[in-house]
Amino acid sequence: DEGFICMGGKAPICPTAPTVALGEWASDSSARPAGTPVQDEGFICMGGKAPVCPPQARPTTGPITLEALQGEWVGSGGATIAVLGTDVAMNGMPLTQHKVTLRDDGTVSSIGTLWQCDRWAESGGGIEFRCSSTRENMECAKVEVWSRKSKSVDAWSERMKLLGYGGSSAAPLSRGVEGCMPGTMGIEMPPGYATSKDREEVALLTSLVQQWREPESLKVRSYQVVPDFTNRAQTGLGVELVHFVATSMMTKGFKKHDGAQGHDIPVLVREPPSSAFHGEALKVWKQRVSEEEGFPPVRAPEAEEIFTSLGNGHFFQALNLFDCQCTSINDANRKYIAGKDQALNEALTQGVTSVVLQHECPRPVRAKIAALLNTKREFFWTLSEDGKVDVSNMQENKEYCSQFEWLSKGMDAVQVDCLVRTHLGIKGSKRIMG
């Protein structure tokens, strides 16, 4: 009941009758409220200023409780964060939809659906969060570190200036047009920006494909296809995603391309034996297959032409799992067999209609086409009944897309393997690092 002593404010003046001396008042329990201290704390009844007690040491280990989270913090991006009870404010604005959530044992679980609480940071008494809406998908999410805000205002202001937050950005609630709010990606884009950006990138993709494609589309069998070295930031394919696609084909059936439904139309590059990229692509892919258990064997002939994939690389290697009747890496009892799936058998024996680019297509152009095929996944080309692909006009698929599918398009091989394991709840894989 004496918490006010450490608040630095004025102590109360105790009411005493004129005829009651301080000693009598102290010895008469009926003359004061129960529990009023009398030993060594006479200042309480003198009306003077109470002392400010030294602050308690903040915890840096052990369970992260609600009490440990109280106070002011600075996020990785420089945003100031204040926690009072379960309420959270960022840069002075309350996050009304994202309060502190707790587990049954009282430890912090998350900040709404913005951050999942992970652990204490290795140094400095900070707390590591994961930028994920659920704990199931937090393993691969970006790390956000909260550090205690420095008591020195000048130190924090200097840090913000070094991060580039100056001018109107220093006062986000009254910023000018040129400013941006600390902790965000920048100033809000004008209306129509996303539509305009999509239009420009789709036009670029269409132009590049038209410039370098062969006149006719071609049915290509999966054994002839190896990944292009430029795809997915030169990391190749993720073996976990290859098996995920194959498992989906087995459980849901092979889905032929039909408008916005089924698999995407593959984009490949024809590589004759005389091409400089022919030998390189085979060498890189054979080395990757020898180092990573679970990929189907490489059967593309060295003395014949091959096709390197800029889009649908995982798709073709999933077909190769069926063609070689491989076993699943996550289920020893599952063997990839086409069985009576007519569409799948047709894809294996006759090939899949693909857009084929000339082998003279430069490496930077290949990399750009591969990147755009992944980022513009919601746009598709049309395939006519005679098997011709119209690349002059791309249509947008506005149907539902899962977060898993969207994320898998923009990740490198290591990241996409981690995503698949998280999605499937696989925790015993030898591919898990750390």
Protein backbone atom coordinates (compact mmCIF):
# COMPACT_ATOMS: atom_id res chain seq x y z
CA ASP A 1 0.00 0.00 0.00
CA GLU A 2 2.96 2.39 -0.14
CA GLY A 3 3.63 2.37 -3.86
CA PHE A 4 3.26 6.16 -3.93
CA ILE A 5 6.57 6.44 -2.07
CA CYS A 6 8.46 5.51 -5.23
CA MET A 7 6.47 7.81 -7.51
CA GLY A 8 8.29 11.02 -6.60
CA GLY A 9 5.13 13.00 -5.83
CA LYS A 10 4.22 14.76 -2.64
CA ALA A 11 3.56 12.57 0.36
CA PRO A 12 0.16 13.00 2.08
CA ILE A 13 -0.27 15.08 5.25
CA CYS A 14 -1.83 12.80 7.84
CA PRO A 15 -4.84 14.31 9.68
CA THR A 16 -4.09 14.76 13.39
CA ALA A 17 -6.13 16.48 16.09
CA PRO A 18 -4.49 19.59 17.62
CA THR A 19 -4.31 17.91 21.00
CA VAL A 20 -2.69 14.68 19.72
CA ALA A 21 1.09 14.67 19.69
CA LEU A 22 2.90 12.72 16.94
CA GLY A 23 4.15 10.13 19.47
CA GLU A 24 0.64 9.51 20.79
CA TRP A 25 -0.70 9.28 17.24
CA ALA A 26 1.97 6.75 16.32
CA SER A 27 1.22 4.55 19.33
CA ASP A 28 -2.55 4.74 19.03
CA SER A 29 -3.63 2.33 16.29
CA SER A 30 -7.18 3.69 16.41
CA ALA A 31 -5.97 7.19 15.47
CA ARG A 32 -4.72 6.22 11.99
CA PRO A 33 -5.78 3.98 9.13
CA ALA A 34 -4.85 0.33 9.54
CA GLY A 35 -1.45 -0.49 8.14
CA THR A 36 -0.07 3.07 8.19
CA PRO A 37 3.71 2.77 8.76
CA VAL A 38 5.27 4.60 11.70
CA GLN A 39 8.83 3.25 11.83
CA ASP A 40 11.42 5.35 9.92
CA GLU A 41 8.78 6.83 7.62
CA GLY A 42 7.74 9.95 9.42
CA PHE A 43 8.14 11.89 6.19
CA ILE A 44 4.88 10.36 4.99
CA CYS A 45 2.98 12.68 7.30
CA MET A 46 5.15 15.74 6.65
CA GLY A 47 3.84 16.69 3.21
CA GLY A 48 7.30 16.67 1.67
CA LYS A 49 8.30 15.07 -1.60
CA ALA A 50 8.63 11.30 -1.48
CA PRO A 51 11.88 9.83 -2.79
CA VAL A 52 12.09 8.22 -6.24
CA CYS A 53 13.17 4.63 -5.66
CA PRO A 54 15.69 3.08 -8.08
CA PRO A 55 13.88 1.16 -10.85
CA GLN A 56 13.78 -2.60 -10.68
CA ALA A 57 16.03 -4.46 -13.10
CA ARG A 58 14.24 -5.49 -16.28
CA PRO A 59 14.20 -9.24 -16.96
CA THR A 60 16.26 -10.48 -19.91
CA THR A 61 15.80 -14.21 -19.42
CA GLY A 62 13.09 -16.62 -18.40
CA PRO A 63 9.43 -16.54 -19.45
CA ILE A 64 8.32 -13.47 -21.41
CA THR A 65 5.36 -12.31 -19.36
CA LEU A 66 2.99 -9.40 -19.76
CA GLU A 67 4.83 -7.55 -17.00
CA ALA A 68 8.16 -7.94 -18.84
CA LEU A 69 6.59 -6.43 -21.96
CA GLN A 70 5.43 -3.21 -20.31
CA GLY A 71 7.04 0.08 -21.28
CA GLU A 72 8.54 1.67 -24.37
CA TRP A 73 10.40 -0.19 -27.10
CA VAL A 74 11.99 0.51 -30.47
CA GLY A 75 11.34 -1.93 -33.33
CA SER A 76 13.86 -3.11 -35.92
CA GLY A 77 12.62 -0.50 -38.39
CA GLY A 78 12.86 2.35 -35.89
CA ALA A 79 9.18 2.51 -34.91
CA THR A 80 8.50 3.44 -31.29
CA ILE A 81 6.26 0.95 -29.52
CA ALA A 82 4.53 1.45 -26.19
CA VAL A 83 2.86 -1.33 -24.20
CA LEU A 84 0.46 -0.51 -21.36
CA GLY A 85 -1.39 -3.52 -20.04
CA THR A 86 -2.48 -5.40 -23.14
CA ASP A 87 -2.76 -2.22 -25.22
CA VAL A 88 -0.09 -1.53 -27.82
CA ALA A 89 0.67 1.75 -29.61
CA MET A 90 3.05 2.30 -32.50
CA ASN A 91 4.41 5.76 -33.25
CA GLY A 92 1.74 7.17 -30.95
CA MET A 93 -1.17 5.43 -32.68
CA PRO A 94 -3.06 2.68 -30.80
CA LEU A 95 -3.18 -0.72 -32.50
CA THR A 96 -6.79 -1.33 -31.54
CA GLN A 97 -7.03 -4.62 -33.43
CA HIS A 98 -3.69 -5.96 -32.23
CA LYS A 99 -3.50 -6.28 -28.48
CA VAL A 100 -1.14 -8.49 -26.48
CA THR A 101 -2.44 -12.05 -26.37
CA LEU A 102 -1.39 -14.45 -23.63
CA ARG A 103 -1.16 -18.19 -23.24
CA ASP A 104 -2.86 -20.02 -20.41
CA ASP A 105 0.34 -19.88 -18.34
CA GLY A 106 0.48 -16.06 -18.59
CA THR A 107 3.36 -15.83 -21.07
CA VAL A 108 3.09 -13.64 -24.16
CA SER A 109 1.93 -15.41 -27.31
CA SER A 110 1.60 -12.60 -29.85
CA ILE A 111 0.81 -8.99 -30.62
CA GLY A 112 -2.53 -9.56 -32.28
CA THR A 113 -1.91 -11.10 -35.71
CA LEU A 114 1.09 -8.88 -36.47
CA TRP A 115 3.90 -10.54 -34.51
CA GLN A 116 4.35 -13.90 -32.86
CA CYS A 117 6.49 -13.77 -29.71
CA ASP A 118 9.54 -16.00 -30.17
CA ARG A 119 12.25 -15.51 -27.52
CA TRP A 120 14.61 -13.13 -25.76
CA ALA A 121 17.20 -11.63 -28.10
CA GLU A 122 20.73 -12.92 -27.62
CA SER A 123 22.00 -9.58 -26.32
CA GLY A 124 20.67 -6.28 -25.04
CA GLY A 125 17.53 -7.50 -23.32
CA GLY A 126 15.46 -7.23 -26.50
CA ILE A 127 12.65 -9.54 -27.58
CA GLU A 128 12.49 -11.37 -30.91
CA PHE A 129 9.14 -11.58 -32.68
CA ARG A 130 8.21 -13.25 -35.97
CA CYS A 131 6.21 -11.30 -38.54
CA SER A 132 3.52 -13.94 -38.95
CA SER A 133 -0.22 -14.04 -38.39
CA THR A 134 -0.10 -17.56 -36.91
CA ARG A 135 2.38 -19.59 -34.90
CA GLU A 136 2.11 -22.45 -37.39
CA ASN A 137 3.71 -20.33 -40.14
CA MET A 138 6.22 -18.37 -38.06
CA GLU A 139 9.27 -20.55 -38.66
CA CYS A 140 10.21 -18.88 -41.96
CA ALA A 141 8.86 -15.44 -41.15
CA LYS A 142 10.97 -12.30 -40.88
CA VAL A 143 12.46 -11.54 -37.46
CA GLU A 144 11.40 -8.30 -35.72
CA VAL A 145 13.46 -7.31 -32.67
CA TRP A 146 12.12 -4.98 -29.99
CA SER A 147 14.78 -3.17 -27.96
CA ARG A 148 14.21 -1.07 -24.88
CA LYS A 149 13.96 2.59 -25.82
CA SER A 150 16.97 4.59 -24.73
CA LYS A 151 16.41 7.03 -21.88
CA SER A 152 18.28 9.62 -23.90
CA VAL A 153 15.93 11.35 -26.34
CA ASP A 154 18.92 12.66 -28.27
CA ALA A 155 20.28 9.16 -28.80
CA TRP A 156 16.97 7.93 -30.21
CA SER A 157 16.59 11.02 -32.43
CA GLU A 158 20.10 10.55 -33.79
CA ARG A 159 19.40 6.91 -34.56
CA MET A 160 16.22 7.84 -36.41
CA LYS A 161 18.13 10.39 -38.51
CA LEU A 162 20.72 7.77 -39.40
CA LEU A 163 17.88 5.48 -40.52
CA GLY A 164 16.67 8.21 -42.84
CA TYR A 165 13.70 9.45 -40.83
CA GLY A 166 14.11 13.19 -40.82
CA GLY A 167 12.07 16.23 -41.75
CA SER A 168 8.36 15.58 -41.64
CA SER A 169 9.07 11.89 -41.07
CA ALA A 170 10.21 12.76 -37.55
CA ALA A 171 6.60 13.71 -36.73
CA PRO A 172 4.52 11.02 -38.48
CA LEU A 173 1.16 12.35 -37.31
CA SER A 174 1.78 15.74 -38.94
CA ARG A 175 4.06 14.74 -41.80
CA GLY A 176 4.12 16.41 -45.17
CA VAL A 177 3.58 14.77 -48.53
CA GLU A 178 7.26 13.94 -48.92
CA GLY A 179 7.42 12.17 -45.56
CA CYS A 180 6.83 8.61 -44.58
CA MET A 181 5.90 6.99 -41.30
CA PRO A 182 8.79 5.31 -39.44
CA GLY A 183 8.39 1.55 -39.46
CA THR A 184 6.53 1.42 -42.78
CA MET A 185 7.75 0.75 -46.30
CA GLY A 186 7.31 4.38 -47.30
CA ILE A 187 4.66 6.87 -48.31
CA GLU A 188 1.35 5.40 -49.41
CA MET A 189 1.13 4.75 -53.13
CA PRO A 190 -1.40 6.78 -55.12
CA PRO A 191 -4.71 5.20 -56.16
CA GLY A 192 -4.30 2.92 -59.17
CA TYR A 193 -0.58 2.33 -58.57
CA ALA A 194 -0.90 -1.47 -58.29
CA THR A 195 -3.04 -1.68 -61.44
CA SER A 196 -0.58 0.46 -63.36
CA LYS A 197 2.39 -1.59 -62.13
CA ASP A 198 0.68 -4.86 -63.11
CA ARG A 199 -0.07 -3.46 -66.55
CA GLU A 200 3.55 -2.43 -67.10
CA GLU A 201 5.04 -5.72 -65.89
CA VAL A 202 2.59 -7.88 -67.85
CA ALA A 203 3.36 -5.82 -70.97
CA LEU A 204 7.11 -6.33 -70.39
CA LEU A 205 6.70 -10.09 -69.88
CA THR A 206 4.55 -10.41 -73.00
CA SER A 207 7.01 -8.36 -75.05
CA LEU A 208 10.05 -10.39 -73.98
CA VAL A 209 8.34 -13.72 -74.62
CA GLN A 210 7.09 -12.61 -78.04
CA GLN A 211 10.56 -11.37 -78.96
CA TRP A 212 12.37 -14.60 -78.12
CA ARG A 213 9.77 -17.36 -78.54
CA GLU A 214 9.69 -19.86 -81.37
CA PRO A 215 6.72 -19.47 -83.75
CA GLU A 216 4.89 -22.59 -82.55
CA SER A 217 4.23 -24.04 -79.13
CA LEU A 218 5.51 -27.54 -78.53
CA LYS A 219 4.63 -30.59 -76.45
CA VAL A 220 7.65 -31.38 -74.28
CA ARG A 221 8.14 -34.52 -72.19
CA SER A 222 9.37 -34.12 -68.63
CA TYR A 223 12.55 -36.21 -68.99
CA GLN A 224 13.87 -33.61 -71.47
CA VAL A 225 13.54 -30.72 -68.95
CA VAL A 226 16.10 -29.44 -66.43
CA PRO A 227 15.92 -26.15 -64.49
CA ASP A 228 17.45 -23.04 -66.04
CA PHE A 229 20.38 -21.71 -64.04
CA THR A 230 18.80 -18.24 -63.80
CA ASN A 231 15.58 -19.31 -62.10
CA ARG A 232 14.86 -18.56 -58.39
CA ALA A 233 17.95 -16.44 -57.81
CA GLN A 234 20.18 -19.24 -59.19
CA THR A 235 19.24 -21.57 -56.31
CA GLY A 236 17.37 -24.11 -58.46
CA LEU A 237 14.36 -26.02 -57.21
CA GLY A 238 13.15 -26.98 -53.74
CA VAL A 239 12.92 -30.77 -53.37
CA GLU A 240 10.15 -30.46 -50.76
CA LEU A 241 7.99 -28.45 -53.18
CA VAL A 242 8.64 -30.95 -56.00
CA HIS A 243 7.24 -33.73 -53.79
CA PHE A 244 4.39 -31.50 -52.61
CA VAL A 245 3.32 -30.94 -56.23
CA ALA A 246 3.62 -34.67 -57.00
CA THR A 247 1.56 -35.58 -53.93
CA SER A 248 -1.10 -33.08 -55.01
CA MET A 249 -1.21 -34.70 -58.47
CA MET A 250 -1.67 -38.11 -56.85
CA THR A 251 -4.36 -37.14 -54.37
CA LYS A 252 -6.30 -34.61 -56.45
CA GLY A 253 -5.61 -35.90 -59.94
CA PHE A 254 -3.65 -34.23 -62.74
CA LYS A 255 -5.25 -30.91 -63.71
CA LYS A 256 -4.74 -30.04 -67.37
CA HIS A 257 -4.51 -26.39 -68.36
CA ASP A 258 -8.00 -25.06 -69.07
CA GLY A 259 -8.38 -21.28 -68.97
CA ALA A 260 -7.72 -20.16 -65.40
CA GLN A 261 -7.82 -23.77 -64.15
CA GLY A 262 -5.12 -26.41 -64.02
CA HIS A 263 -1.37 -25.99 -64.36
CA ASP A 264 0.28 -22.92 -65.86
CA ILE A 265 1.58 -23.01 -69.42
CA PRO A 266 5.31 -23.78 -69.06
CA VAL A 267 7.95 -21.46 -70.51
CA LEU A 268 11.06 -23.34 -71.65
CA VAL A 269 14.27 -22.60 -73.56
CA ARG A 270 15.39 -25.00 -76.28
CA GLU A 271 19.06 -25.92 -75.82
CA PRO A 272 20.69 -27.89 -78.67
CA PRO A 273 23.94 -29.75 -77.88
CA SER A 274 25.87 -26.93 -79.56
CA SER A 275 24.44 -24.31 -77.17
CA ALA A 276 26.78 -22.90 -74.53
CA PHE A 277 24.06 -23.30 -71.91
CA HIS A 278 23.34 -26.97 -72.74
CA GLY A 279 26.33 -28.47 -70.96
CA GLU A 280 26.21 -25.94 -68.11
CA ALA A 281 22.54 -26.63 -67.32
CA LEU A 282 23.08 -30.40 -67.27
CA LYS A 283 26.22 -30.13 -65.14
CA VAL A 284 24.63 -27.86 -62.54
CA TRP A 285 21.46 -29.94 -62.29
CA LYS A 286 23.30 -33.28 -62.05
CA GLN A 287 25.45 -31.89 -59.24
CA ARG A 288 22.37 -30.63 -57.39
CA VAL A 289 20.61 -33.99 -57.73
CA SER A 290 23.69 -35.84 -56.45
CA GLU A 291 23.87 -33.56 -53.39
CA GLU A 292 20.14 -33.45 -52.52
CA GLU A 293 18.33 -36.71 -51.88
CA GLY A 294 14.78 -36.84 -53.21
CA PHE A 295 15.05 -35.41 -56.71
CA PRO A 296 14.25 -37.74 -59.63
CA PRO A 297 17.27 -38.99 -61.60
CA VAL A 298 18.51 -36.87 -64.50
CA ARG A 299 17.62 -38.61 -67.77
CA ALA A 300 18.12 -35.78 -70.26
CA PRO A 301 20.59 -37.03 -72.90
CA GLU A 302 23.87 -35.15 -73.22
CA ALA A 303 24.08 -35.66 -76.98
CA GLU A 304 20.51 -34.50 -77.69
CA GLU A 305 18.67 -31.23 -77.26
CA ILE A 306 17.19 -30.43 -73.87
CA PHE A 307 14.81 -27.78 -72.53
CA THR A 308 15.55 -25.56 -69.53
CA SER A 309 12.59 -24.35 -67.47
CA LEU A 310 11.99 -20.68 -66.66
CA GLY A 311 8.52 -21.42 -65.33
CA ASN A 312 6.96 -24.69 -64.05
CA GLY A 313 10.31 -26.23 -63.07
CA HIS A 314 8.82 -27.93 -59.99
CA PHE A 315 5.92 -29.13 -62.13
CA PHE A 316 8.18 -30.97 -64.62
CA GLN A 317 10.31 -32.59 -61.91
CA ALA A 318 7.12 -33.73 -60.17
CA LEU A 319 6.15 -35.43 -63.44
CA ASN A 320 9.60 -37.06 -63.48
CA LEU A 321 8.88 -38.54 -60.03
CA PHE A 322 5.92 -40.36 -61.60
CA ASP A 323 7.84 -41.30 -64.74
CA CYS A 324 10.55 -42.92 -62.56
CA GLN A 325 8.04 -44.22 -59.97
CA CYS A 326 10.03 -42.64 -57.14
CA THR A 327 9.16 -42.88 -53.44
CA SER A 328 8.01 -39.91 -51.37
CA ILE A 329 10.69 -38.32 -49.16
CA ASN A 330 8.19 -37.84 -46.33
CA ASP A 331 6.24 -41.10 -46.59
CA ALA A 332 8.13 -44.30 -47.36
CA ASN A 333 4.84 -46.06 -48.10
CA ARG A 334 3.91 -43.65 -50.90
CA LYS A 335 5.14 -44.41 -54.41
CA TYR A 336 4.37 -42.07 -57.27
CA ILE A 337 2.47 -44.16 -59.83
CA ALA A 338 0.21 -42.64 -62.49
CA GLY A 339 -2.21 -45.56 -62.37
CA LYS A 340 -5.47 -44.90 -64.22
CA ASP A 341 -5.12 -41.10 -64.29
CA GLN A 342 -5.60 -40.58 -68.04
CA ALA A 343 -4.54 -36.91 -68.03
CA LEU A 344 -1.37 -37.70 -66.07
CA ASN A 345 -0.46 -40.63 -68.36
CA GLU A 346 -0.99 -38.36 -71.37
CA ALA A 347 1.34 -35.72 -69.91
CA LEU A 348 4.02 -38.37 -69.26
CA THR A 349 3.85 -40.09 -72.66
CA GLN A 350 2.96 -37.21 -75.01
CA GLY A 351 4.33 -34.21 -73.17
CA VAL A 352 2.90 -30.88 -72.01
CA THR A 353 2.17 -27.99 -74.36
CA SER A 354 4.76 -25.30 -73.68
CA VAL A 355 5.97 -21.93 -74.89
CA VAL A 356 9.51 -22.47 -76.20
CA LEU A 357 12.12 -19.73 -76.41
CA GLN A 358 15.15 -19.72 -78.71
CA HIS A 359 18.47 -20.76 -77.16
CA GLU A 360 19.98 -17.38 -78.16
CA CYS A 361 17.86 -15.73 -75.46
CA PRO A 362 20.39 -13.86 -73.24
CA ARG A 363 20.83 -14.84 -69.59
CA PRO A 364 19.58 -11.47 -68.18
CA VAL A 365 16.41 -11.80 -70.27
CA ARG A 366 15.88 -15.35 -69.00
CA ALA A 367 16.26 -14.17 -65.41
CA LYS A 368 13.75 -11.36 -65.95
CA ILE A 369 11.19 -13.66 -67.58
CA ALA A 370 11.58 -16.21 -64.76
CA ALA A 371 11.10 -13.51 -62.10
CA LEU A 372 8.02 -12.05 -63.84
CA LEU A 373 6.45 -15.48 -64.30
CA ASN A 374 6.59 -15.91 -60.51
CA THR A 375 5.51 -12.40 -59.48
CA LYS A 376 2.68 -12.26 -62.05
CA ARG A 377 1.30 -15.69 -61.18
CA GLU A 378 -2.29 -14.40 -61.30
CA PHE A 379 -2.03 -13.68 -65.04
CA PHE A 380 -2.24 -16.44 -67.64
CA TRP A 381 -2.12 -17.07 -71.36
CA THR A 382 -4.85 -18.83 -73.31
CA LEU A 383 -4.47 -22.19 -75.03
CA SER A 384 -6.64 -22.78 -78.09
CA GLU A 385 -8.14 -26.11 -79.09
CA ASP A 386 -5.48 -26.61 -81.77
CA GLY A 387 -2.75 -26.39 -79.12
CA LYS A 388 -1.53 -22.90 -79.95
CA VAL A 389 -0.69 -20.50 -77.13
CA ASP A 390 -1.75 -16.87 -77.52
CA VAL A 391 0.91 -14.83 -75.68
CA SER A 392 -0.25 -11.50 -77.11
CA ASN A 393 -2.93 -11.18 -74.46
CA MET A 394 -2.71 -12.17 -70.79
CA GLN A 395 -5.84 -12.48 -68.67
CA GLU A 396 -6.05 -12.03 -64.92
CA ASN A 397 -7.23 -14.80 -62.63
CA LYS A 398 -9.14 -13.14 -59.78
CA GLU A 399 -10.10 -16.35 -58.02
CA TYR A 400 -8.97 -17.26 -54.51
CA CYS A 401 -5.26 -17.91 -54.03
CA SER A 402 -3.90 -19.39 -50.80
CA GLN A 403 -1.15 -17.61 -48.91
CA PHE A 404 0.97 -20.74 -49.28
CA GLU A 405 0.75 -20.68 -53.08
CA TRP A 406 1.45 -16.94 -53.25
CA LEU A 407 4.49 -17.16 -50.95
CA SER A 408 5.96 -20.20 -52.74
CA LYS A 409 6.28 -18.24 -55.99
CA GLY A 410 8.77 -15.70 -54.71
CA MET A 411 11.09 -17.82 -52.54
CA ASP A 412 14.43 -19.40 -53.29
CA ALA A 413 14.97 -23.17 -52.98
CA VAL A 414 15.91 -23.20 -49.28
CA GLN A 415 13.07 -20.88 -48.27
CA VAL A 416 10.43 -22.74 -50.25
CA ASP A 417 11.49 -26.07 -48.68
CA CYS A 418 11.08 -24.49 -45.24
CA LEU A 419 7.66 -23.16 -46.25
CA VAL A 420 6.46 -26.60 -47.37
CA ARG A 421 7.63 -28.25 -44.13
CA THR A 422 5.83 -25.60 -42.10
CA HIS A 423 2.69 -25.97 -44.22
CA LEU A 424 2.65 -29.75 -43.78
CA GLY A 425 3.77 -29.69 -40.15
CA ILE A 426 6.92 -31.73 -40.87
CA LYS A 427 9.34 -31.47 -37.92
CA GLY A 428 11.50 -34.57 -38.32
CA SER A 429 13.17 -33.83 -41.66
CA LYS A 430 16.97 -34.00 -41.87
CA ARG A 431 16.79 -30.92 -44.09
CA ILE A 432 15.88 -28.76 -41.09
CA MET A 433 18.89 -26.61 -40.29
CA GLY A 434 19.72 -25.08 -36.91
